[in-house]
Amino acid sequence: MTQVYFHCSNKTKVLVDRCGAVVDDLAEARDHAACVVRSLTTARSLEDWRGWILHVNDDLGDELFVVPFAFVLGKPH
């Protein structure tokens, strides 16, 4: 089990995850990352999330992988 953090950024802002989550493996971290993106993008907001990126880091601060929000959201219609 590993503590991972899900930080979000775009060209002008950074949202820092100070709590993180405990996951068993990278697959679970990937699934949690998709949930984070979906929860942020479904909240009532005027933010255009397609330019954001979710950075998944371990407890040492090393980046494990990134998830562009556009990857989860898909193309606009």
PDB file of N, CA and C in Angstrom:
ATOM      1  N   MET A   1       0.838  -1.177   0.000  1.00  0.00           N
ATOM      2  CA  MET A   1       0.000   0.000   0.000  1.00  0.00           C
ATOM      3  C   MET A   1       0.883   1.240   0.000  1.00  0.00           C
ATOM      4  N   THR A   2       0.467   2.204  -0.786  1.00  0.00           N
ATOM      5  CA  THR A   2       1.254   3.413  -0.969  1.00  0.00           C
ATOM      6  C   THR A   2       0.372   4.647  -0.877  1.00  0.00           C
ATOM      7  N   GLN A   3       0.882   5.682  -0.252  1.00  0.00           N
ATOM      8  CA  GLN A   3       0.199   6.967  -0.199  1.00  0.00           C
ATOM      9  C   GLN A   3       0.523   7.724  -1.476  1.00  0.00           C
ATOM     10  N   VAL A   4      -0.513   8.165  -2.192  1.00  0.00           N
ATOM     11  CA  VAL A   4      -0.310   8.951  -3.402  1.00  0.00           C
ATOM     12  C   VAL A   4      -1.126  10.236  -3.316  1.00  0.00           C
ATOM     13  N   TYR A   5      -0.687  11.229  -4.075  1.00  0.00           N
ATOM     14  CA  TYR A   5      -1.311  12.548  -4.061  1.00  0.00           C
ATOM     15  C   TYR A   5      -1.726  12.910  -5.481  1.00  0.00           C
ATOM     16  N   PHE A   6      -2.832  13.630  -5.586  1.00  0.00           N
ATOM     17  CA  PHE A   6      -3.437  13.949  -6.867  1.00  0.00           C
ATOM     18  C   PHE A   6      -3.499  15.463  -7.027  1.00  0.00           C
ATOM     19  N   HIS A   7      -2.429  16.037  -7.538  1.00  0.00           N
ATOM     20  CA  HIS A   7      -2.333  17.485  -7.732  1.00  0.00           C
ATOM     21  C   HIS A   7      -2.842  17.834  -9.131  1.00  0.00           C
ATOM     22  N   CYS A   8      -3.517  18.969  -9.244  1.00  0.00           N
ATOM     23  CA  CYS A   8      -4.064  19.407 -10.530  1.00  0.00           C
ATOM     24  C   CYS A   8      -3.451  20.743 -10.912  1.00  0.00           C
ATOM     25  N   SER A   9      -3.203  20.919 -12.201  1.00  0.00           N
ATOM     26  CA  SER A   9      -2.655  22.198 -12.646  1.00  0.00           C
ATOM     27  C   SER A   9      -3.120  22.513 -14.065  1.00  0.00           C
ATOM     28  N   ASN A  10      -3.111  23.815 -14.352  1.00  0.00           N
ATOM     29  CA  ASN A  10      -3.242  24.286 -15.722  1.00  0.00           C
ATOM     30  C   ASN A  10      -2.140  25.317 -15.919  1.00  0.00           C
ATOM     31  N   LYS A  11      -2.233  26.159 -16.918  1.00  0.00           N
ATOM     32  CA  LYS A  11      -1.156  27.120 -17.194  1.00  0.00           C
ATOM     33  C   LYS A  11      -1.019  28.182 -16.116  1.00  0.00           C
ATOM     34  N   THR A  12      -2.074  28.431 -15.351  1.00  0.00           N
ATOM     35  CA  THR A  12      -2.033  29.537 -14.390  1.00  0.00           C
ATOM     36  C   THR A  12      -2.329  29.142 -12.946  1.00  0.00           C
ATOM     37  N   LYS A  13      -2.843  27.944 -12.700  1.00  0.00           N
ATOM     38  CA  LYS A  13      -3.259  27.551 -11.345  1.00  0.00           C
ATOM     39  C   LYS A  13      -2.739  26.172 -10.983  1.00  0.00           C
ATOM     40  N   VAL A  14      -2.614  25.950  -9.678  1.00  0.00           N
ATOM     41  CA  VAL A  14      -2.257  24.638  -9.149  1.00  0.00           C
ATOM     42  C   VAL A  14      -3.173  24.342  -7.962  1.00  0.00           C
ATOM     43  N   LEU A  15      -3.773  23.163  -7.964  1.00  0.00           N
ATOM     44  CA  LEU A  15      -4.561  22.693  -6.827  1.00  0.00           C
ATOM     45  C   LEU A  15      -3.756  21.564  -6.178  1.00  0.00           C
ATOM     46  N   VAL A  16      -3.317  21.779  -4.948  1.00  0.00           N
ATOM     47  CA  VAL A  16      -2.459  20.815  -4.259  1.00  0.00           C
ATOM     48  C   VAL A  16      -3.308  19.907  -3.383  1.00  0.00           C
ATOM     49  N   ASP A  17      -3.129  18.616  -3.535  1.00  0.00           N
ATOM     50  CA  ASP A  17      -3.799  17.606  -2.716  1.00  0.00           C
ATOM     51  C   ASP A  17      -2.938  17.373  -1.477  1.00  0.00           C
ATOM     52  N   ARG A  18      -3.400  17.817  -0.334  1.00  0.00           N
ATOM     53  CA  ARG A  18      -2.628  17.673   0.903  1.00  0.00           C
ATOM     54  C   ARG A  18      -2.950  16.385   1.663  1.00  0.00           C
ATOM     55  N   CYS A  19      -4.047  15.713   1.296  1.00  0.00           N
ATOM     56  CA  CYS A  19      -4.464  14.497   2.006  1.00  0.00           C
ATOM     57  C   CYS A  19      -4.017  13.229   1.292  1.00  0.00           C
ATOM     58  N   GLY A  20      -4.186  13.196  -0.013  1.00  0.00           N
ATOM     59  CA  GLY A  20      -3.824  12.014  -0.779  1.00  0.00           C
ATOM     60  C   GLY A  20      -4.760  10.855  -0.514  1.00  0.00           C
ATOM     61  N   ALA A  21      -4.346   9.685  -0.962  1.00  0.00           N
ATOM     62  CA  ALA A  21      -5.114   8.457  -0.776  1.00  0.00           C
ATOM     63  C   ALA A  21      -4.144   7.291  -0.709  1.00  0.00           C
ATOM     64  N   VAL A  22      -4.538   6.269   0.000  1.00  0.00           N
ATOM     65  CA  VAL A  22      -3.739   5.047   0.069  1.00  0.00           C
ATOM     66  C   VAL A  22      -4.260   4.094  -1.000  1.00  0.00           C
ATOM     67  N   VAL A  23      -3.357   3.621  -1.844  1.00  0.00           N
ATOM     68  CA  VAL A  23      -3.731   2.701  -2.917  1.00  0.00           C
ATOM     69  C   VAL A  23      -2.843   1.459  -2.854  1.00  0.00           C
ATOM     70  N   ASP A  24      -3.368   0.378  -3.416  1.00  0.00           N
ATOM     71  CA  ASP A  24      -2.610  -0.872  -3.430  1.00  0.00           C
ATOM     72  C   ASP A  24      -1.634  -0.970  -4.595  1.00  0.00           C
ATOM     73  N   ASP A  25      -1.994  -0.344  -5.732  1.00  0.00           N
ATOM     74  CA  ASP A  25      -1.155  -0.458  -6.927  1.00  0.00           C
ATOM     75  C   ASP A  25      -1.472   0.682  -7.892  1.00  0.00           C
ATOM     76  N   LEU A  26      -0.759   0.704  -9.008  1.00  0.00           N
ATOM     77  CA  LEU A  26      -0.951   1.769  -9.993  1.00  0.00           C
ATOM     78  C   LEU A  26      -2.334   1.730 -10.635  1.00  0.00           C
ATOM     79  N   ALA A  27      -2.905   0.549 -10.771  1.00  0.00           N
ATOM     80  CA  ALA A  27      -4.250   0.444 -11.345  1.00  0.00           C
ATOM     81  C   ALA A  27      -5.264   1.146 -10.445  1.00  0.00           C
ATOM     82  N   GLU A  28      -5.137   0.949  -9.147  1.00  0.00           N
ATOM     83  CA  GLU A  28      -6.039   1.619  -8.216  1.00  0.00           C
ATOM     84  C   GLU A  28      -5.796   3.128  -8.220  1.00  0.00           C
ATOM     85  N   ALA A  29      -4.546   3.542  -8.339  1.00  0.00           N
ATOM     86  CA  ALA A  29      -4.225   4.972  -8.425  1.00  0.00           C
ATOM     87  C   ALA A  29      -4.825   5.573  -9.691  1.00  0.00           C
ATOM     88  N   ARG A  30      -4.762   4.860 -10.790  1.00  0.00           N
ATOM     89  CA  ARG A  30      -5.351   5.316 -12.056  1.00  0.00           C
ATOM     90  C   ARG A  30      -6.867   5.478 -11.918  1.00  0.00           C
ATOM     91  N   ASP A  31      -7.519   4.502 -11.310  1.00  0.00           N
ATOM     92  CA  ASP A  31      -8.968   4.570 -11.126  1.00  0.00           C
ATOM     93  C   ASP A  31      -9.349   5.745 -10.222  1.00  0.00           C
ATOM     94  N   HIS A  32      -8.572   5.956  -9.176  1.00  0.00           N
ATOM     95  CA  HIS A  32      -8.846   7.080  -8.272  1.00  0.00           C
ATOM     96  C   HIS A  32      -8.617   8.409  -8.995  1.00  0.00           C
ATOM     97  N   ALA A  33      -7.596   8.470  -9.828  1.00  0.00           N
ATOM     98  CA  ALA A  33      -7.320   9.681 -10.599  1.00  0.00           C
ATOM     99  C   ALA A  33      -8.502  10.029 -11.492  1.00  0.00           C
ATOM    100  N   ALA A  34      -9.070   9.038 -12.153  1.00  0.00           N
ATOM    101  CA  ALA A  34     -10.237   9.281 -13.003  1.00  0.00           C
ATOM    102  C   ALA A  34     -11.413   9.781 -12.169  1.00  0.00           C
ATOM    103  N   CYS A  35     -11.588   9.255 -10.971  1.00  0.00           N
ATOM    104  CA  CYS A  35     -12.657   9.729 -10.081  1.00  0.00           C
ATOM    105  C   CYS A  35     -12.430  11.180  -9.662  1.00  0.00           C
ATOM    106  N   VAL A  36     -11.193  11.543  -9.387  1.00  0.00           N
ATOM    107  CA  VAL A  36     -10.874  12.925  -9.018  1.00  0.00           C
ATOM    108  C   VAL A  36     -11.239  13.861 -10.164  1.00  0.00           C
ATOM    109  N   VAL A  37     -10.846  13.504 -11.373  1.00  0.00           N
ATOM    110  CA  VAL A  37     -11.146  14.340 -12.538  1.00  0.00           C
ATOM    111  C   VAL A  37     -12.660  14.476 -12.702  1.00  0.00           C
ATOM    112  N   ARG A  38     -13.369  13.362 -12.635  1.00  0.00           N
ATOM    113  CA  ARG A  38     -14.824  13.409 -12.798  1.00  0.00           C
ATOM    114  C   ARG A  38     -15.489  14.242 -11.712  1.00  0.00           C
ATOM    115  N   SER A  39     -15.016  14.132 -10.472  1.00  0.00           N
ATOM    116  CA  SER A  39     -15.643  14.895  -9.385  1.00  0.00           C
ATOM    117  C   SER A  39     -15.410  16.400  -9.554  1.00  0.00           C
ATOM    118  N   LEU A  40     -14.238  16.785 -10.005  1.00  0.00           N
ATOM    119  CA  LEU A  40     -13.976  18.205 -10.230  1.00  0.00           C
ATOM    120  C   LEU A  40     -14.773  18.755 -11.399  1.00  0.00           C
ATOM    121  N   THR A  41     -14.886  17.977 -12.449  1.00  0.00           N
ATOM    122  CA  THR A  41     -15.535  18.481 -13.654  1.00  0.00           C
ATOM    123  C   THR A  41     -17.056  18.455 -13.574  1.00  0.00           C
ATOM    124  N   THR A  42     -17.621  17.672 -12.676  1.00  0.00           N
ATOM    125  CA  THR A  42     -19.082  17.633 -12.552  1.00  0.00           C
ATOM    126  C   THR A  42     -19.601  18.633 -11.532  1.00  0.00           C
ATOM    127  N   ALA A  43     -18.702  19.222 -10.746  1.00  0.00           N
ATOM    128  CA  ALA A  43     -19.118  20.255  -9.794  1.00  0.00           C
ATOM    129  C   ALA A  43     -19.548  21.496 -10.554  1.00  0.00           C
ATOM    130  N   ARG A  44     -20.508  22.226  -9.998  1.00  0.00           N
ATOM    131  CA  ARG A  44     -20.967  23.465 -10.653  1.00  0.00           C
ATOM    132  C   ARG A  44     -19.823  24.461 -10.678  1.00  0.00           C
ATOM    133  N   SER A  45     -19.398  24.778 -11.883  1.00  0.00           N
ATOM    134  CA  SER A  45     -18.270  25.685 -12.039  1.00  0.00           C
ATOM    135  C   SER A  45     -18.253  26.215 -13.469  1.00  0.00           C
ATOM    136  N   LEU A  46     -17.708  27.385 -13.632  1.00  0.00           N
ATOM    137  CA  LEU A  46     -17.530  27.940 -14.975  1.00  0.00           C
ATOM    138  C   LEU A  46     -16.169  27.565 -15.556  1.00  0.00           C
ATOM    139  N   GLU A  47     -15.389  26.823 -14.802  1.00  0.00           N
ATOM    140  CA  GLU A  47     -14.039  26.434 -15.220  1.00  0.00           C
ATOM    141  C   GLU A  47     -14.089  25.527 -16.448  1.00  0.00           C
ATOM    142  N   ASP A  48     -13.246  25.816 -17.433  1.00  0.00           N
ATOM    143  CA  ASP A  48     -13.058  24.916 -18.573  1.00  0.00           C
ATOM    144  C   ASP A  48     -11.911  23.984 -18.192  1.00  0.00           C
ATOM    145  N   TRP A  49     -12.244  22.767 -17.840  1.00  0.00           N
ATOM    146  CA  TRP A  49     -11.273  21.821 -17.289  1.00  0.00           C
ATOM    147  C   TRP A  49     -10.403  21.140 -18.348  1.00  0.00           C
ATOM    148  N   ARG A  50     -10.718  21.305 -19.636  1.00  0.00           N
ATOM    149  CA  ARG A  50      -9.973  20.554 -20.656  1.00  0.00           C
ATOM    150  C   ARG A  50      -8.488  20.894 -20.693  1.00  0.00           C
ATOM    151  N   GLY A  51      -8.072  22.055 -20.197  1.00  0.00           N
ATOM    152  CA  GLY A  51      -6.662  22.428 -20.185  1.00  0.00           C
ATOM    153  C   GLY A  51      -5.921  21.991 -18.928  1.00  0.00           C
ATOM    154  N   TRP A  52      -6.595  21.303 -18.033  1.00  0.00           N
ATOM    155  CA  TRP A  52      -5.992  20.882 -16.768  1.00  0.00           C
ATOM    156  C   TRP A  52      -5.335  19.516 -16.897  1.00  0.00           C
ATOM    157  N   ILE A  53      -4.370  19.278 -16.011  1.00  0.00           N
ATOM    158  CA  ILE A  53      -3.663  17.996 -15.933  1.00  0.00           C
ATOM    159  C   ILE A  53      -3.636  17.558 -14.475  1.00  0.00           C
ATOM    160  N   LEU A  54      -3.892  16.283 -14.243  1.00  0.00           N
ATOM    161  CA  LEU A  54      -3.797  15.705 -12.906  1.00  0.00           C
ATOM    162  C   LEU A  54      -2.439  15.006 -12.796  1.00  0.00           C
ATOM    163  N   HIS A  55      -1.671  15.378 -11.779  1.00  0.00           N
ATOM    164  CA  HIS A  55      -0.344  14.797 -11.541  1.00  0.00           C
ATOM    165  C   HIS A  55      -0.455  13.858 -10.347  1.00  0.00           C
ATOM    166  N   VAL A  56      -0.088  12.611 -10.541  1.00  0.00           N
ATOM    167  CA  VAL A  56      -0.143  11.626  -9.461  1.00  0.00           C
ATOM    168  C   VAL A  56       1.275  11.415  -8.946  1.00  0.00           C
ATOM    169  N   ASN A  57       1.479  11.765  -7.658  1.00  0.00           N
ATOM    170  CA  ASN A  57       2.808  11.678  -7.052  1.00  0.00           C
ATOM    171  C   ASN A  57       2.787  10.715  -5.880  1.00  0.00           C
ATOM    172  N   ASP A  58       3.935  10.086  -5.632  1.00  0.00           N
ATOM    173  CA  ASP A  58       4.035   9.225  -4.455  1.00  0.00           C
ATOM    174  C   ASP A  58       4.389  10.066  -3.230  1.00  0.00           C
ATOM    175  N   ASP A  59       4.542   9.405  -2.095  1.00  0.00           N
ATOM    176  CA  ASP A  59       4.791  10.124  -0.840  1.00  0.00           C
ATOM    177  C   ASP A  59       6.167  10.778  -0.778  1.00  0.00           C
ATOM    178  N   LEU A  60       7.051  10.461  -1.726  1.00  0.00           N
ATOM    179  CA  LEU A  60       8.361  11.109  -1.797  1.00  0.00           C
ATOM    180  C   LEU A  60       8.343  12.308  -2.740  1.00  0.00           C
ATOM    181  N   GLY A  61       7.195  12.537  -3.390  1.00  0.00           N
ATOM    182  CA  GLY A  61       7.075  13.644  -4.332  1.00  0.00           C
ATOM    183  C   GLY A  61       7.411  13.279  -5.764  1.00  0.00           C
ATOM    184  N   ASP A  62       7.753  12.014  -6.013  1.00  0.00           N
ATOM    185  CA  ASP A  62       8.065  11.580  -7.374  1.00  0.00           C
ATOM    186  C   ASP A  62       6.775  11.413  -8.172  1.00  0.00           C
ATOM    187  N   GLU A  63       6.766  11.938  -9.384  1.00  0.00           N
ATOM    188  CA  GLU A  63       5.585  11.817 -10.228  1.00  0.00           C
ATOM    189  C   GLU A  63       5.492  10.405 -10.797  1.00  0.00           C
ATOM    190  N   LEU A  64       4.350   9.768 -10.570  1.00  0.00           N
ATOM    191  CA  LEU A  64       4.127   8.414 -11.067  1.00  0.00           C
ATOM    192  C   LEU A  64       3.556   8.438 -12.479  1.00  0.00           C
ATOM    193  N   PHE A  65       2.575   9.308 -12.702  1.00  0.00           N
ATOM    194  CA  PHE A  65       1.982   9.483 -14.026  1.00  0.00           C
ATOM    195  C   PHE A  65       1.122  10.739 -14.029  1.00  0.00           C
ATOM    196  N   VAL A  66       0.714  11.151 -15.216  1.00  0.00           N
ATOM    197  CA  VAL A  66      -0.181  12.299 -15.354  1.00  0.00           C
ATOM    198  C   VAL A  66      -1.419  11.867 -16.132  1.00  0.00           C
ATOM    199  N   VAL A  67      -2.516  12.570 -15.871  1.00  0.00           N
ATOM    200  CA  VAL A  67      -3.766  12.319 -16.589  1.00  0.00           C
ATOM    201  C   VAL A  67      -4.296  13.663 -17.076  1.00  0.00           C
ATOM    202  N   PRO A  68      -4.209  13.932 -18.370  1.00  0.00           N
ATOM    203  CA  PRO A  68      -4.846  15.151 -18.877  1.00  0.00           C
ATOM    204  C   PRO A  68      -6.358  15.036 -18.693  1.00  0.00           C
ATOM    205  N   PHE A  69      -6.983  16.090 -18.179  1.00  0.00           N
ATOM    206  CA  PHE A  69      -8.430  16.057 -17.979  1.00  0.00           C
ATOM    207  C   PHE A  69      -9.137  15.748 -19.292  1.00  0.00           C
ATOM    208  N   ALA A  70      -8.619  16.256 -20.404  1.00  0.00           N
ATOM    209  CA  ALA A  70      -9.239  16.022 -21.713  1.00  0.00           C
ATOM    210  C   ALA A  70      -9.310  14.541 -22.038  1.00  0.00           C
ATOM    211  N   PHE A  71      -8.369  13.762 -21.523  1.00  0.00           N
ATOM    212  CA  PHE A  71      -8.368  12.315 -21.744  1.00  0.00           C
ATOM    213  C   PHE A  71      -9.606  11.679 -21.125  1.00  0.00           C
ATOM    214  N   VAL A  72      -9.985  12.160 -19.940  1.00  0.00           N
ATOM    215  CA  VAL A  72     -11.160  11.631 -19.238  1.00  0.00           C
ATOM    216  C   VAL A  72     -12.443  12.243 -19.805  1.00  0.00           C
ATOM    217  N   LEU A  73     -12.402  13.545 -20.114  1.00  0.00           N
ATOM    218  CA  LEU A  73     -13.592  14.253 -20.572  1.00  0.00           C
ATOM    219  C   LEU A  73     -13.941  13.971 -22.027  1.00  0.00           C
ATOM    220  N   GLY A  74     -12.946  13.692 -22.837  1.00  0.00           N
ATOM    221  CA  GLY A  74     -13.182  13.535 -24.254  1.00  0.00           C
ATOM    222  C   GLY A  74     -13.253  14.882 -24.955  1.00  0.00           C
ATOM    223  N   LYS A  75     -13.533  14.859 -26.226  1.00  0.00           N
ATOM    224  CA  LYS A  75     -13.600  16.091 -27.024  1.00  0.00           C
ATOM    225  C   LYS A  75     -14.929  16.790 -26.788  1.00  0.00           C
ATOM    226  N   PRO A  76     -14.926  18.130 -26.829  1.00  0.00           N
ATOM    227  CA  PRO A  76     -16.186  18.859 -26.694  1.00  0.00           C
ATOM    228  C   PRO A  76     -17.056  18.648 -27.928  1.00  0.00           C
ATOM    229  N   HIS A  77     -18.358  18.698 -27.732  1.00  0.00           N
ATOM    230  CA  HIS A  77     -19.293  18.508 -28.855  1.00  0.00           C
ATOM    231  C   HIS A  77     -19.742  19.832 -29.391  1.00  0.00           C
TER     232      HIS A  77
END
